[in-house]
Amino acid sequence: MSLSADLEVLSSVLETRGIRLAMAESCTGGLISELITERPGCSAYFLGCAVTYSNEAKERILGVSHDTLLAHGAVSEETAREMAAGALRAFGSDAAVAVTGIAGPGGATDEKPVGLVYIAATDGERSVISANRFHGDRRRVRESAAAAAVRDLLTLLS
């Protein structure tokens, strides 16, 4: 399906099932929230988003462990998982998705290249975690990450 179709399905699932959604975005910088809030009626299910670009914000706002950040880095499965759990708590939502990665063009290492993005979607009991490698410029990586986050949310909710 296309991103537009995925967003339509997600919107319908959230609204018909009464699921309240929250987000924590890092490398996408609020892009996923923008896509969600472009849809009329989203206030019925979308609570909000924490754009936590810095490690300090991830710790302070979402409760990501300092030890997790030291041991695994901001771009890791562990951090994505803690970001999603933090968004769930902070907003009191029924489901949450978190995205953290390297959009580029800088910031990469041999172990963590540009385009590496971790996504975590959770409802507090179940989680869908994905490690992704997207290609293209900064905008394309961010767009690909947003589309993948929507798909991961749909997987969690199906």
C-alpha atoms as a PDB file:
ATOM      1  CA  MET A   1       0.000   0.000   0.000  1.00  0.00           C
ATOM      2  CA  SER A   2       0.978   3.628  -0.341  1.00  0.00           C
ATOM      3  CA  LEU A   3       1.677   5.903   2.606  1.00  0.00           C
ATOM      4  CA  SER A   4      -1.599   7.699   1.954  1.00  0.00           C
ATOM      5  CA  ALA A   5      -3.506   4.400   2.046  1.00  0.00           C
ATOM      6  CA  ASP A   6      -1.636   3.300   5.172  1.00  0.00           C
ATOM      7  CA  LEU A   7      -2.529   6.579   6.889  1.00  0.00           C
ATOM      8  CA  GLU A   8      -6.169   6.113   5.925  1.00  0.00           C
ATOM      9  CA  VAL A   9      -6.220   2.608   7.399  1.00  0.00           C
ATOM     10  CA  LEU A  10      -4.371   3.738  10.541  1.00  0.00           C
ATOM     11  CA  SER A  11      -6.770   6.618  11.055  1.00  0.00           C
ATOM     12  CA  SER A  12      -9.746   4.292  10.681  1.00  0.00           C
ATOM     13  CA  VAL A  13      -8.317   1.672  13.071  1.00  0.00           C
ATOM     14  CA  LEU A  14      -7.491   4.259  15.726  1.00  0.00           C
ATOM     15  CA  GLU A  15     -10.853   5.970  15.489  1.00  0.00           C
ATOM     16  CA  THR A  16     -13.086   2.895  15.307  1.00  0.00           C
ATOM     17  CA  ARG A  17     -11.253   1.072  18.099  1.00  0.00           C
ATOM     18  CA  GLY A  18     -10.945   4.145  20.306  1.00  0.00           C
ATOM     19  CA  ILE A  19      -7.152   3.906  20.500  1.00  0.00           C
ATOM     20  CA  ARG A  20      -5.316   7.042  21.608  1.00  0.00           C
ATOM     21  CA  LEU A  21      -1.912   7.488  19.977  1.00  0.00           C
ATOM     22  CA  ALA A  22       1.247   9.311  21.070  1.00  0.00           C
ATOM     23  CA  MET A  23       4.659   9.624  19.449  1.00  0.00           C
ATOM     24  CA  ALA A  24       8.296  10.259  20.207  1.00  0.00           C
ATOM     25  CA  GLU A  25      10.275  11.455  17.221  1.00  0.00           C
ATOM     26  CA  SER A  26      13.961  12.149  16.873  1.00  0.00           C
ATOM     27  CA  CYS A  27      15.372  12.006  13.332  1.00  0.00           C
ATOM     28  CA  THR A  28      11.935  12.552  11.779  1.00  0.00           C
ATOM     29  CA  GLY A  29      11.584  15.817  13.691  1.00  0.00           C
ATOM     30  CA  GLY A  30       7.786  15.771  13.872  1.00  0.00           C
ATOM     31  CA  LEU A  31       7.158  14.591  10.313  1.00  0.00           C
ATOM     32  CA  ILE A  32       5.022  11.633  11.422  1.00  0.00           C
ATOM     33  CA  SER A  33       2.929  13.917  13.604  1.00  0.00           C
ATOM     34  CA  GLU A  34       2.501  16.255  10.651  1.00  0.00           C
ATOM     35  CA  LEU A  35       1.224  13.386   8.509  1.00  0.00           C
ATOM     36  CA  ILE A  36      -1.216  12.308  11.221  1.00  0.00           C
ATOM     37  CA  THR A  37      -2.509  15.804  11.929  1.00  0.00           C
ATOM     38  CA  GLU A  38      -3.151  16.552   8.244  1.00  0.00           C
ATOM     39  CA  ARG A  39      -6.148  14.234   8.543  1.00  0.00           C
ATOM     40  CA  PRO A  40      -9.434  15.816   9.633  1.00  0.00           C
ATOM     41  CA  GLY A  41     -10.747  14.346  12.879  1.00  0.00           C
ATOM     42  CA  CYS A  42      -7.331  13.255  14.166  1.00  0.00           C
ATOM     43  CA  SER A  43      -8.024  14.930  17.506  1.00  0.00           C
ATOM     44  CA  ALA A  44     -10.263  11.939  18.267  1.00  0.00           C
ATOM     45  CA  TYR A  45      -7.202   9.688  18.562  1.00  0.00           C
ATOM     46  CA  PHE A  46      -3.953  11.687  18.430  1.00  0.00           C
ATOM     47  CA  LEU A  47      -2.748  12.984  21.805  1.00  0.00           C
ATOM     48  CA  GLY A  48       0.620  14.462  20.888  1.00  0.00           C
ATOM     49  CA  CYS A  49       4.279  14.020  20.150  1.00  0.00           C
ATOM     50  CA  ALA A  50       7.557  14.669  21.902  1.00  0.00           C
ATOM     51  CA  VAL A  51      10.258  15.652  19.442  1.00  0.00           C
ATOM     52  CA  THR A  52      13.314  14.694  21.461  1.00  0.00           C
ATOM     53  CA  TYR A  53      16.311  15.322  19.285  1.00  0.00           C
ATOM     54  CA  SER A  54      18.944  15.534  22.013  1.00  0.00           C
ATOM     55  CA  ASN A  55      19.918  12.809  24.466  1.00  0.00           C
ATOM     56  CA  GLU A  56      19.090  15.200  27.293  1.00  0.00           C
ATOM     57  CA  ALA A  57      15.528  15.578  26.008  1.00  0.00           C
ATOM     58  CA  LYS A  58      15.186  11.822  25.579  1.00  0.00           C
ATOM     59  CA  GLU A  59      16.173  11.390  29.227  1.00  0.00           C
ATOM     60  CA  ARG A  60      14.229  14.293  30.721  1.00  0.00           C
ATOM     61  CA  ILE A  61      11.002  14.098  28.727  1.00  0.00           C
ATOM     62  CA  LEU A  62      10.724  10.402  27.900  1.00  0.00           C
ATOM     63  CA  GLY A  63      12.669   8.848  30.751  1.00  0.00           C
ATOM     64  CA  VAL A  64      15.205   7.098  28.522  1.00  0.00           C
ATOM     65  CA  SER A  65      17.886   5.720  30.803  1.00  0.00           C
ATOM     66  CA  HIS A  66      21.227   7.489  30.782  1.00  0.00           C
ATOM     67  CA  ASP A  67      22.829   4.044  31.013  1.00  0.00           C
ATOM     68  CA  THR A  68      20.973   2.923  27.867  1.00  0.00           C
ATOM     69  CA  LEU A  69      22.223   5.944  25.965  1.00  0.00           C
ATOM     70  CA  LEU A  70      25.798   5.352  27.153  1.00  0.00           C
ATOM     71  CA  ALA A  71      25.768   1.637  26.415  1.00  0.00           C
ATOM     72  CA  HIS A  72      23.832   1.593  23.132  1.00  0.00           C
ATOM     73  CA  GLY A  73      23.650   5.169  21.874  1.00  0.00           C
ATOM     74  CA  ALA A  74      20.697   7.277  20.820  1.00  0.00           C
ATOM     75  CA  VAL A  75      20.372   5.287  17.605  1.00  0.00           C
ATOM     76  CA  SER A  76      19.591   1.822  18.915  1.00  0.00           C
ATOM     77  CA  GLU A  77      16.786  -0.641  19.417  1.00  0.00           C
ATOM     78  CA  GLU A  78      17.052  -0.172  23.175  1.00  0.00           C
ATOM     79  CA  THR A  79      16.644   3.604  22.955  1.00  0.00           C
ATOM     80  CA  ALA A  80      13.729   3.332  20.511  1.00  0.00           C
ATOM     81  CA  ARG A  81      12.008   0.891  22.871  1.00  0.00           C
ATOM     82  CA  GLU A  82      12.472   3.222  25.864  1.00  0.00           C
ATOM     83  CA  MET A  83      11.336   6.240  23.841  1.00  0.00           C
ATOM     84  CA  ALA A  84       8.087   4.472  22.873  1.00  0.00           C
ATOM     85  CA  ALA A  85       7.452   3.406  26.474  1.00  0.00           C
ATOM     86  CA  GLY A  86       8.177   6.966  27.601  1.00  0.00           C
ATOM     87  CA  ALA A  87       5.711   8.450  25.117  1.00  0.00           C
ATOM     88  CA  LEU A  88       3.065   5.961  26.253  1.00  0.00           C
ATOM     89  CA  ARG A  89       3.594   7.081  29.870  1.00  0.00           C
ATOM     90  CA  ALA A  90       3.990  10.797  29.206  1.00  0.00           C
ATOM     91  CA  PHE A  91       0.790  11.110  27.186  1.00  0.00           C
ATOM     92  CA  GLY A  92      -1.240   8.360  28.867  1.00  0.00           C
ATOM     93  CA  SER A  93      -1.949   6.872  25.455  1.00  0.00           C
ATOM     94  CA  ASP A  94      -3.049   3.406  24.423  1.00  0.00           C
ATOM     95  CA  ALA A  95      -0.314   3.069  21.794  1.00  0.00           C
ATOM     96  CA  ALA A  96       2.886   4.875  20.932  1.00  0.00           C
ATOM     97  CA  VAL A  97       5.533   4.871  18.257  1.00  0.00           C
ATOM     98  CA  ALA A  98       9.102   6.136  18.502  1.00  0.00           C
ATOM     99  CA  VAL A  99      11.696   6.797  15.823  1.00  0.00           C
ATOM    100  CA  THR A 100      15.426   7.391  16.247  1.00  0.00           C
ATOM    101  CA  GLY A 101      18.080   7.303  13.571  1.00  0.00           C
ATOM    102  CA  ILE A 102      20.667   9.028  11.429  1.00  0.00           C
ATOM    103  CA  ALA A 103      19.116  11.086   8.640  1.00  0.00           C
ATOM    104  CA  GLY A 104      22.475  12.450   7.463  1.00  0.00           C
ATOM    105  CA  PRO A 105      24.401  13.688   5.787  1.00  0.00           C
ATOM    106  CA  GLY A 106      26.626  13.752   8.893  1.00  0.00           C
ATOM    107  CA  GLY A 107      26.548  11.893  12.184  1.00  0.00           C
ATOM    108  CA  ALA A 108      27.301   8.450  10.823  1.00  0.00           C
ATOM    109  CA  THR A 109      29.901   5.931  11.975  1.00  0.00           C
ATOM    110  CA  ASP A 110      31.031   2.621  10.486  1.00  0.00           C
ATOM    111  CA  GLU A 111      28.684   0.799  12.877  1.00  0.00           C
ATOM    112  CA  LYS A 112      25.803   3.259  12.411  1.00  0.00           C
ATOM    113  CA  PRO A 113      25.606   4.527   8.823  1.00  0.00           C
ATOM    114  CA  VAL A 114      23.419   7.288   7.432  1.00  0.00           C
ATOM    115  CA  GLY A 115      19.938   5.890   6.935  1.00  0.00           C
ATOM    116  CA  LEU A 116      19.986   3.593   9.971  1.00  0.00           C
ATOM    117  CA  VAL A 117      16.663   4.082  11.759  1.00  0.00           C
ATOM    118  CA  TYR A 118      15.121   2.177  14.662  1.00  0.00           C
ATOM    119  CA  ILE A 119      11.366   2.221  15.158  1.00  0.00           C
ATOM    120  CA  ALA A 120       9.454   0.953  18.174  1.00  0.00           C
ATOM    121  CA  ALA A 121       5.680   0.726  18.381  1.00  0.00           C
ATOM    122  CA  THR A 122       4.024  -0.435  21.597  1.00  0.00           C
ATOM    123  CA  ASP A 123       0.700  -0.731  23.346  1.00  0.00           C
ATOM    124  CA  GLY A 124       2.383  -1.393  26.691  1.00  0.00           C
ATOM    125  CA  GLU A 125       2.024  -5.157  26.397  1.00  0.00           C
ATOM    126  CA  ARG A 126       3.177  -5.912  22.879  1.00  0.00           C
ATOM    127  CA  SER A 127       5.842  -4.215  20.801  1.00  0.00           C
ATOM    128  CA  VAL A 128       6.948  -4.125  17.186  1.00  0.00           C
ATOM    129  CA  ILE A 129      10.586  -3.144  16.804  1.00  0.00           C
ATOM    130  CA  SER A 130      12.321  -2.666  13.471  1.00  0.00           C
ATOM    131  CA  ALA A 131      15.836  -1.813  12.386  1.00  0.00           C
ATOM    132  CA  ASN A 132      15.821  -0.129   8.996  1.00  0.00           C
ATOM    133  CA  ARG A 133      18.396   1.063   6.496  1.00  0.00           C
ATOM    134  CA  PHE A 134      17.016   3.752   4.220  1.00  0.00           C
ATOM    135  CA  HIS A 135      18.829   5.322   1.291  1.00  0.00           C
ATOM    136  CA  GLY A 136      18.759   8.780  -0.216  1.00  0.00           C
ATOM    137  CA  ASP A 137      19.232  12.296   1.050  1.00  0.00           C
ATOM    138  CA  ARG A 138      18.136  13.585   4.447  1.00  0.00           C
ATOM    139  CA  ARG A 139      14.573  14.300   3.344  1.00  0.00           C
ATOM    140  CA  ARG A 140      14.194  10.853   1.769  1.00  0.00           C
ATOM    141  CA  VAL A 141      15.486   9.077   4.881  1.00  0.00           C
ATOM    142  CA  ARG A 142      13.035  11.028   7.050  1.00  0.00           C
ATOM    143  CA  GLU A 143      10.115  10.301   4.694  1.00  0.00           C
ATOM    144  CA  SER A 144      11.000   6.610   4.536  1.00  0.00           C
ATOM    145  CA  ALA A 145      11.239   6.438   8.329  1.00  0.00           C
ATOM    146  CA  ALA A 146       7.829   8.092   8.702  1.00  0.00           C
ATOM    147  CA  ALA A 147       6.247   5.624   6.275  1.00  0.00           C
ATOM    148  CA  ALA A 148       7.872   2.679   8.075  1.00  0.00           C
ATOM    149  CA  ALA A 149       6.626   3.946  11.446  1.00  0.00           C
ATOM    150  CA  VAL A 150       3.054   4.039  10.132  1.00  0.00           C
ATOM    151  CA  ARG A 151       3.434   0.477   8.820  1.00  0.00           C
ATOM    152  CA  ASP A 152       4.876  -0.701  12.154  1.00  0.00           C
ATOM    153  CA  LEU A 153       1.931   0.869  13.980  1.00  0.00           C
ATOM    154  CA  LEU A 154      -0.467  -0.968  11.661  1.00  0.00           C
ATOM    155  CA  THR A 155       1.379  -4.224  12.342  1.00  0.00           C
ATOM    156  CA  LEU A 156       1.104  -3.647  16.090  1.00  0.00           C
ATOM    157  CA  LEU A 157      -2.608  -2.876  15.891  1.00  0.00           C
ATOM    158  CA  SER A 158      -3.543  -5.737  13.536  1.00  0.00           C
END
